[in-house]
Protein backbone atom coordinates (compact mmCIF):
# COMPACT_ATOMS: atom_id res chain seq x y z
CA MET A 1 -6.08 -60.53 38.37
CA PHE A 2 -4.46 -57.13 38.77
CA ALA A 3 -1.90 -57.85 36.07
CA GLY A 4 -4.60 -59.04 33.76
CA GLY A 5 -6.51 -55.84 34.37
CA LEU A 6 -3.50 -53.71 33.52
CA LEU A 7 -2.97 -55.69 30.32
CA ALA A 8 -6.58 -55.19 29.31
CA LEU A 9 -6.39 -51.52 30.14
CA SER A 10 -3.15 -51.12 28.06
CA ILE A 11 -4.72 -52.85 25.08
CA ALA A 12 -7.86 -50.69 25.39
CA LEU A 13 -5.69 -47.50 25.56
CA ALA A 14 -3.60 -48.60 22.63
CA GLY A 15 -6.74 -49.21 20.64
CA ALA A 16 -8.18 -45.85 21.61
CA HIS A 17 -4.94 -44.12 20.65
CA GLY A 18 -4.91 -45.90 17.29
CA ALA A 19 -8.56 -44.93 16.63
CA SER A 20 -7.80 -41.33 17.63
CA ALA A 21 -4.80 -41.17 15.32
CA GLN A 22 -6.86 -42.69 12.51
CA SER A 23 -9.60 -40.24 12.96
CA GLU A 24 -7.16 -37.34 12.96
CA GLN A 25 -5.44 -38.56 9.81
CA PRO A 26 -7.98 -40.54 7.83
CA GLY A 27 -5.96 -40.15 4.65
CA GLU A 28 -2.92 -41.95 6.03
CA GLY A 29 -1.34 -44.26 3.50
CA VAL A 30 -3.03 -42.66 0.43
CA ASP A 31 -0.82 -40.94 -2.17
CA VAL A 32 -2.03 -37.71 -3.85
CA ARG A 33 -0.49 -35.92 -6.74
CA PHE A 34 -1.36 -32.53 -8.26
CA ALA A 35 -0.92 -31.70 -11.93
CA GLN A 36 0.72 -28.30 -12.11
CA ALA A 37 0.70 -26.25 -15.34
CA ASN A 38 3.27 -23.74 -16.46
CA ASP A 39 1.36 -20.81 -14.87
CA ASP A 40 3.15 -20.04 -11.62
CA THR A 41 0.52 -17.56 -10.49
CA GLY A 42 -1.47 -20.53 -9.16
CA TYR A 43 1.31 -22.55 -7.63
CA ILE A 44 0.33 -21.28 -4.17
CA ILE A 45 -3.02 -23.04 -4.56
CA THR A 46 -1.16 -26.35 -4.90
CA ALA A 47 0.99 -25.44 -1.91
CA VAL A 48 -1.90 -24.61 0.42
CA TYR A 49 -4.08 -27.57 -0.55
CA SER A 50 -1.10 -29.88 -0.27
CA GLU A 51 -0.51 -28.74 3.32
CA LEU A 52 -4.20 -29.21 4.16
CA LEU A 53 -4.26 -32.71 2.70
CA GLY A 54 -1.10 -33.50 4.58
CA GLU A 55 -2.77 -32.56 7.84
CA LEU A 56 -5.35 -35.24 7.05
CA GLY A 57 -2.61 -37.78 6.64
CA TYR A 58 -2.41 -37.93 2.82
CA ASN A 59 1.01 -38.39 1.33
CA VAL A 60 1.24 -35.51 -1.15
CA GLU A 61 3.84 -36.24 -3.83
CA ASP A 62 5.77 -33.64 -5.85
CA PRO A 63 3.52 -31.99 -8.49
CA LEU A 64 3.49 -33.26 -12.05
CA ASP A 65 4.78 -30.28 -14.02
CA SER A 66 3.17 -29.89 -17.45
CA ASN A 67 1.11 -27.44 -19.43
CA VAL A 68 -2.62 -26.72 -19.18
CA PRO A 69 -3.99 -29.18 -21.77
CA LEU A 70 -1.69 -32.01 -20.61
CA SER A 71 -2.55 -31.28 -16.97
CA TYR A 72 -6.21 -31.95 -17.72
CA GLN A 73 -5.25 -35.05 -19.62
CA ALA A 74 -3.14 -36.31 -16.74
CA VAL A 75 -5.98 -35.87 -14.24
CA SER A 76 -8.46 -37.57 -16.54
CA GLN A 77 -6.15 -40.51 -17.09
CA GLY A 78 -5.10 -40.80 -13.44
CA SER A 79 -1.43 -40.01 -13.71
CA ALA A 80 -2.34 -37.04 -11.47
CA ASP A 81 -5.26 -36.88 -9.01
CA LEU A 82 -6.00 -33.17 -8.87
CA TYR A 83 -5.46 -30.06 -11.01
CA TYR A 84 -5.11 -26.91 -8.89
CA ASP A 85 -6.20 -24.16 -11.32
CA GLY A 86 -9.38 -24.98 -13.15
CA TRP A 87 -10.68 -21.75 -14.77
CA LEU A 88 -14.31 -22.32 -15.47
CA PRO A 89 -16.03 -21.69 -17.88
CA LEU A 90 -12.79 -20.84 -19.75
CA HIS A 91 -11.54 -24.46 -19.44
CA ASN A 92 -14.83 -26.10 -20.28
CA VAL A 93 -13.25 -27.09 -23.60
CA TYR A 94 -11.12 -29.66 -21.66
CA LEU A 95 -13.92 -30.96 -19.39
CA GLU A 96 -16.18 -31.64 -22.40
CA GLN A 97 -13.73 -33.92 -24.20
CA PRO A 98 -15.17 -37.40 -24.89
CA GLY A 99 -14.41 -39.80 -22.11
CA PHE A 100 -13.04 -37.08 -19.75
CA ASN A 101 -12.80 -38.76 -16.35
CA ALA A 102 -12.55 -35.84 -13.99
CA ARG A 103 -14.82 -33.14 -12.54
CA PRO A 104 -14.61 -29.73 -10.85
CA ILE A 105 -15.07 -29.68 -7.15
CA GLY A 106 -15.13 -26.83 -4.63
CA TYR A 107 -14.31 -23.21 -5.28
CA VAL A 108 -10.75 -21.90 -4.66
CA VAL A 109 -11.97 -18.39 -5.67
CA LYS A 110 -15.64 -17.98 -6.63
CA GLN A 111 -16.35 -15.32 -9.23
CA GLY A 112 -13.00 -13.73 -8.54
CA ALA A 113 -11.08 -14.23 -11.76
CA LEU A 114 -11.15 -11.34 -14.19
CA GLN A 115 -9.70 -11.40 -17.72
CA GLY A 116 -9.26 -8.94 -20.50
CA TYR A 117 -7.08 -6.54 -22.46
CA LEU A 118 -5.08 -3.67 -21.04
CA VAL A 119 -3.13 -0.70 -22.50
CA ASP A 120 -0.68 1.56 -20.80
CA LYS A 121 -2.60 4.56 -19.46
CA ALA A 122 -0.41 7.18 -21.16
CA SER A 123 -1.13 5.71 -24.62
CA ALA A 124 -4.81 5.25 -23.87
CA ASP A 125 -5.07 8.90 -22.94
CA LYS A 126 -2.93 10.10 -25.88
CA TYR A 127 -4.76 8.17 -28.59
CA GLY A 128 -8.21 7.98 -26.99
CA ILE A 129 -8.15 4.15 -26.84
CA LYS A 130 -11.35 2.75 -25.39
CA THR A 131 -11.87 -0.62 -27.18
CA LEU A 132 -9.99 -3.13 -29.37
CA ASP A 133 -11.63 -1.40 -32.34
CA ASP A 134 -9.32 1.55 -31.82
CA PHE A 135 -6.43 -0.66 -32.98
CA ARG A 136 -7.84 -0.46 -36.54
CA ARG A 137 -6.61 3.18 -36.64
CA ASP A 138 -3.26 3.56 -38.38
CA GLU A 139 -1.78 5.95 -35.85
CA VAL A 140 -2.57 3.44 -33.02
CA LYS A 141 -1.19 0.47 -34.94
CA GLN A 142 2.00 2.33 -35.68
CA ALA A 143 2.48 3.33 -32.07
CA PHE A 144 2.09 -0.21 -30.85
CA ASP A 145 4.04 -1.89 -33.65
CA ARG A 146 7.31 -3.12 -32.19
CA ASN A 147 8.42 -5.48 -34.95
CA GLY A 148 7.64 -3.38 -38.03
CA ASP A 149 4.94 -5.66 -39.52
CA GLY A 150 2.35 -2.88 -39.60
CA LYS A 151 0.29 -4.36 -36.77
CA ALA A 152 -0.06 -3.53 -33.10
CA ASP A 153 1.76 -6.07 -30.96
CA MET A 154 -0.17 -7.71 -28.12
CA VAL A 155 0.97 -10.16 -25.46
CA GLY A 156 -1.37 -13.09 -25.62
CA CYS A 157 -1.16 -16.65 -24.18
CA PRO A 158 0.99 -19.68 -24.94
CA PRO A 159 -0.43 -22.18 -27.49
CA GLY A 160 -2.98 -24.56 -26.04
CA TRP A 161 -3.98 -22.41 -23.10
CA GLY A 162 -7.70 -21.74 -22.82
CA CYS A 163 -7.06 -17.98 -23.06
CA GLU A 164 -5.08 -18.51 -26.32
CA LEU A 165 -8.07 -20.27 -27.82
CA THR A 166 -10.45 -17.48 -26.80
CA ILE A 167 -8.18 -14.66 -28.00
CA SER A 168 -7.87 -16.39 -31.35
CA TYR A 169 -11.66 -16.71 -31.50
CA GLN A 170 -12.11 -13.02 -30.73
CA MET A 171 -9.49 -11.88 -33.18
CA ASP A 172 -11.55 -13.77 -35.85
CA ALA A 173 -14.93 -12.56 -34.53
CA PHE A 174 -13.86 -8.87 -34.44
CA GLU A 175 -11.88 -9.22 -37.69
CA LEU A 176 -8.68 -7.85 -36.13
CA HIS A 177 -6.05 -10.19 -37.51
CA ASP A 178 -4.89 -7.51 -39.94
CA ASP A 179 -4.54 -5.02 -37.13
CA ILE A 180 -3.17 -6.90 -34.12
CA ASN A 181 -0.25 -9.31 -33.96
CA VAL A 182 -0.85 -11.62 -30.98
CA ILE A 183 2.33 -12.83 -29.34
CA ASN A 184 1.76 -16.46 -28.27
CA ALA A 185 4.95 -17.12 -26.35
CA GLY A 186 5.80 -17.94 -22.79
CA TYR A 187 3.62 -15.59 -20.82
CA SER A 188 6.04 -14.54 -18.06
CA ALA A 189 8.86 -13.85 -20.53
CA ALA A 190 6.58 -11.95 -22.91
CA MET A 191 5.20 -9.85 -20.09
CA ALA A 192 8.64 -9.17 -18.69
CA ASP A 193 9.56 -7.83 -22.12
CA ALA A 194 6.39 -5.67 -22.22
CA ILE A 195 7.08 -4.26 -18.75
CA ALA A 196 10.61 -3.38 -19.83
CA ALA A 197 9.17 -1.63 -22.84
CA TYR A 198 6.72 0.28 -20.65
CA SER A 199 9.60 1.31 -18.37
CA ASN A 200 11.23 2.80 -21.50
CA GLY A 201 8.15 4.83 -22.30
CA GLU A 202 6.87 2.55 -25.08
CA PRO A 203 3.18 1.75 -25.62
CA ILE A 204 2.07 -1.76 -24.52
CA LEU A 205 -1.04 -3.89 -25.16
CA PHE A 206 -1.52 -7.16 -23.36
CA TYR A 207 -4.03 -9.79 -22.15
CA THR A 208 -3.99 -10.66 -18.44
CA TRP A 209 -6.07 -12.32 -15.76
CA THR A 210 -6.48 -12.02 -12.05
CA PRO A 211 -4.97 -13.11 -9.75
CA ASN A 212 -1.70 -12.42 -11.54
CA TRP A 213 1.55 -10.68 -10.70
CA THR A 214 1.08 -8.35 -13.69
CA VAL A 215 -1.53 -6.31 -11.83
CA ASN A 216 0.90 -5.68 -9.04
CA GLU A 217 3.66 -4.59 -11.49
CA LEU A 218 1.26 -2.56 -13.64
CA LYS A 219 -1.57 -1.19 -11.49
CA PRO A 220 -4.90 -0.69 -13.28
CA GLY A 221 -5.87 2.98 -13.15
CA GLU A 222 -2.35 4.12 -12.53
CA ASP A 223 0.01 2.39 -14.97
CA VAL A 224 -2.47 0.71 -17.29
CA VAL A 225 -6.23 0.62 -18.01
CA TRP A 226 -8.64 -2.13 -18.91
CA ILE A 227 -10.10 -1.53 -22.32
CA GLU A 228 -13.34 -2.89 -23.64
CA THR A 229 -14.14 -5.30 -26.48
CA PRO A 230 -16.45 -3.93 -29.20
CA ASP A 231 -19.04 -6.45 -28.20
CA VAL A 232 -19.27 -9.70 -26.26
CA LYS A 233 -18.34 -12.53 -28.60
CA LEU A 234 -17.37 -15.85 -27.06
CA PRO A 235 -16.81 -19.42 -28.11
CA GLU A 236 -19.91 -21.61 -27.97
CA ASP A 237 -18.87 -23.34 -24.74
CA GLN A 238 -18.73 -19.95 -22.95
CA GLN A 239 -21.79 -18.24 -24.44
CA ALA A 240 -23.98 -19.16 -21.46
CA MET A 241 -21.73 -16.86 -19.35
CA ALA A 242 -21.91 -13.85 -21.72
CA ASP A 243 -23.81 -11.79 -19.16
CA THR A 244 -20.88 -11.88 -16.76
CA ALA A 245 -18.51 -10.42 -19.37
CA THR A 246 -19.73 -6.91 -18.53
CA VAL A 247 -18.81 -6.01 -14.99
CA GLU A 248 -19.51 -2.97 -12.84
CA ASP A 249 -16.92 -1.05 -10.81
CA ILE A 250 -13.78 -2.53 -12.29
CA GLU A 251 -10.93 -0.44 -11.02
CA GLY A 252 -8.97 1.09 -13.83
CA CYS A 253 -11.41 0.37 -16.61
CA VAL A 254 -12.12 2.97 -19.31
CA ALA A 255 -15.90 2.62 -18.74
CA ASN A 256 -18.35 1.65 -16.01
CA PRO A 257 -19.87 -0.88 -16.43
CA CYS A 258 -16.85 -2.39 -18.24
CA THR A 259 -17.32 -4.73 -21.18
CA LEU A 260 -14.26 -6.85 -20.54
CA GLY A 261 -15.52 -9.30 -23.16
CA TRP A 262 -14.55 -12.27 -21.03
CA PRO A 263 -16.71 -14.19 -18.49
CA VAL A 264 -15.83 -13.78 -14.89
CA ASN A 265 -14.42 -17.18 -14.03
CA ASP A 266 -14.44 -19.35 -10.95
CA ILE A 267 -11.16 -20.96 -9.97
CA ARG A 268 -11.84 -24.62 -9.02
CA ILE A 269 -10.00 -27.80 -8.26
CA VAL A 270 -10.53 -30.46 -10.94
CA GLY A 271 -10.23 -34.03 -9.60
CA ASN A 272 -10.01 -37.45 -11.13
CA ASN A 273 -13.41 -39.10 -10.74
CA ASP A 274 -12.00 -42.35 -9.33
CA PHE A 275 -9.83 -40.54 -6.79
CA LEU A 276 -12.67 -38.35 -5.56
CA ASP A 277 -15.07 -41.28 -5.28
CA GLU A 278 -12.51 -43.43 -3.42
CA ASN A 279 -11.43 -40.55 -1.16
CA PRO A 280 -14.49 -38.77 0.18
CA VAL A 281 -12.48 -37.14 2.98
CA ALA A 282 -10.23 -35.40 0.45
CA ALA A 283 -13.26 -34.48 -1.61
CA LYS A 284 -15.00 -32.94 1.38
CA LEU A 285 -11.92 -30.86 2.31
CA ILE A 286 -11.74 -29.48 -1.26
CA GLU A 287 -15.44 -28.70 -1.14
CA GLU A 288 -14.99 -26.75 2.13
CA ALA A 289 -11.73 -24.92 1.41
CA SER A 290 -11.19 -21.60 -0.40
CA LEU A 291 -8.59 -18.83 -0.63
CA PRO A 292 -9.02 -15.05 -0.55
CA ILE A 293 -7.97 -13.51 -3.82
CA SER A 294 -6.11 -10.82 -1.87
CA PHE A 295 -3.76 -13.52 -0.46
CA ILE A 296 -3.04 -14.82 -3.96
CA TYR A 297 -2.24 -11.28 -5.19
CA LYS A 298 0.13 -10.72 -2.23
CA GLN A 299 1.83 -14.14 -2.72
CA ASN A 300 2.23 -13.55 -6.44
CA ALA A 301 3.95 -10.22 -5.77
CA ALA A 302 6.31 -11.89 -3.27
CA MET A 303 7.05 -14.64 -5.81
CA LYS A 304 7.76 -12.16 -8.56
CA ASN A 305 10.22 -10.43 -6.18
CA GLY A 306 12.22 -13.60 -5.69
CA ALA A 307 10.42 -15.73 -3.06
CA ASP A 308 9.62 -18.41 -5.62
CA THR A 309 11.40 -21.61 -4.54
CA PRO A 310 9.42 -24.70 -3.48
CA GLU A 311 10.61 -23.99 0.08
CA ASP A 312 9.27 -20.40 -0.21
CA LEU A 313 5.89 -21.67 -1.45
CA LYS A 314 5.64 -24.15 1.38
CA GLN A 315 6.45 -21.49 3.93
CA GLN A 316 3.98 -19.04 2.39
CA ALA A 317 1.28 -21.75 2.56
CA ALA A 318 2.12 -22.66 6.15
CA ASP A 319 2.08 -18.99 7.20
CA TRP A 320 -1.36 -18.43 5.70
CA ILE A 321 -2.73 -21.58 7.34
CA ALA A 322 -1.31 -20.54 10.71
CA ALA A 323 -2.87 -17.10 10.38
CA ASN A 324 -6.27 -18.63 9.57
CA ARG A 325 -6.09 -21.59 11.91
CA GLU A 326 -9.67 -21.44 13.21
CA THR A 327 -11.17 -21.37 9.72
CA VAL A 328 -8.85 -24.14 8.50
CA ASP A 329 -9.65 -26.34 11.48
CA GLY A 330 -13.36 -26.02 10.58
CA TRP A 331 -12.56 -27.39 7.09
CA LEU A 332 -10.47 -30.24 8.50
CA ASP A 333 -13.10 -31.20 11.07
CA ALA A 334 -15.78 -31.33 8.35
CA ALA A 335 -13.55 -33.68 6.29
CA ARG A 336 -12.77 -35.89 9.29
CA LYS A 337 -16.45 -36.33 10.08
CA VAL A 338 -16.89 -37.91 6.63
CA ALA A 339 -14.50 -40.68 7.73
CA GLU A 340 -16.62 -41.38 10.77
CA GLN A 341 -19.79 -41.97 8.78
């Protein structure tokens, strides 16, 4: 009788332990894969969310490295489950493709992503540059012409990126193709070249976004200034956000309010519909989680200074989670409760 009682107790304890482990890690046995585009400023988002999903028991595989359009395609088709860096409404062009089988979920950074055009402050002061319209002036074009084609050179975005499509649209809308030569090359390499030119005292014009390492290297208000667009002209899929393209109190802008000419974007996770529907625990975590933009700035600066290996990213993510443990545990608990329902 006593032995039988011990056996029953041990079985009950084993069952309770198994239930506890299951409730702590409801994602156990499920593989997750992020699509990761060739924009390393957002890699830390993948790293943090991967760590969080891992705490719920999910097996997070190595990211699928690609470019922006193919990352959206991969998530829609299911070769990846999540895309870490959805810029909306800038990336609406991908979401609105026929048959697109993915949706945005949660907010990594809500209304925290600025975009626009910047000029080195010395040149802006010297030539009185306030808007893109000033690049119609011959003296300005000549100062910014680095390849001798008679146009001002501007660092833009690689082909296929959402920003490249919007820049091209604006160059048409403002009739600036005869005045500005947009460099559509690898962004990091093109910006490294621009920063080197700036260090040599040469004028520079470039597009950037935040969070991005460029605003740590070239500080708005000190090294560079945001300039305005002549008006707000946006592709049709972004026109509903036109009111957000003029922003007050932008540090380092030539005017206040500042007509950046680009909508302020939300950074969101984009997830495959089937994956999100089949994994409500993961979906709930993504809905709950977010990152302060100041952390992304700081991490981007560290990455630019050499802390850029996968191991570095994993450690940076782990350090941030440890420093924000109470908040993170709240997200994880909310996700675990979904599994109990």
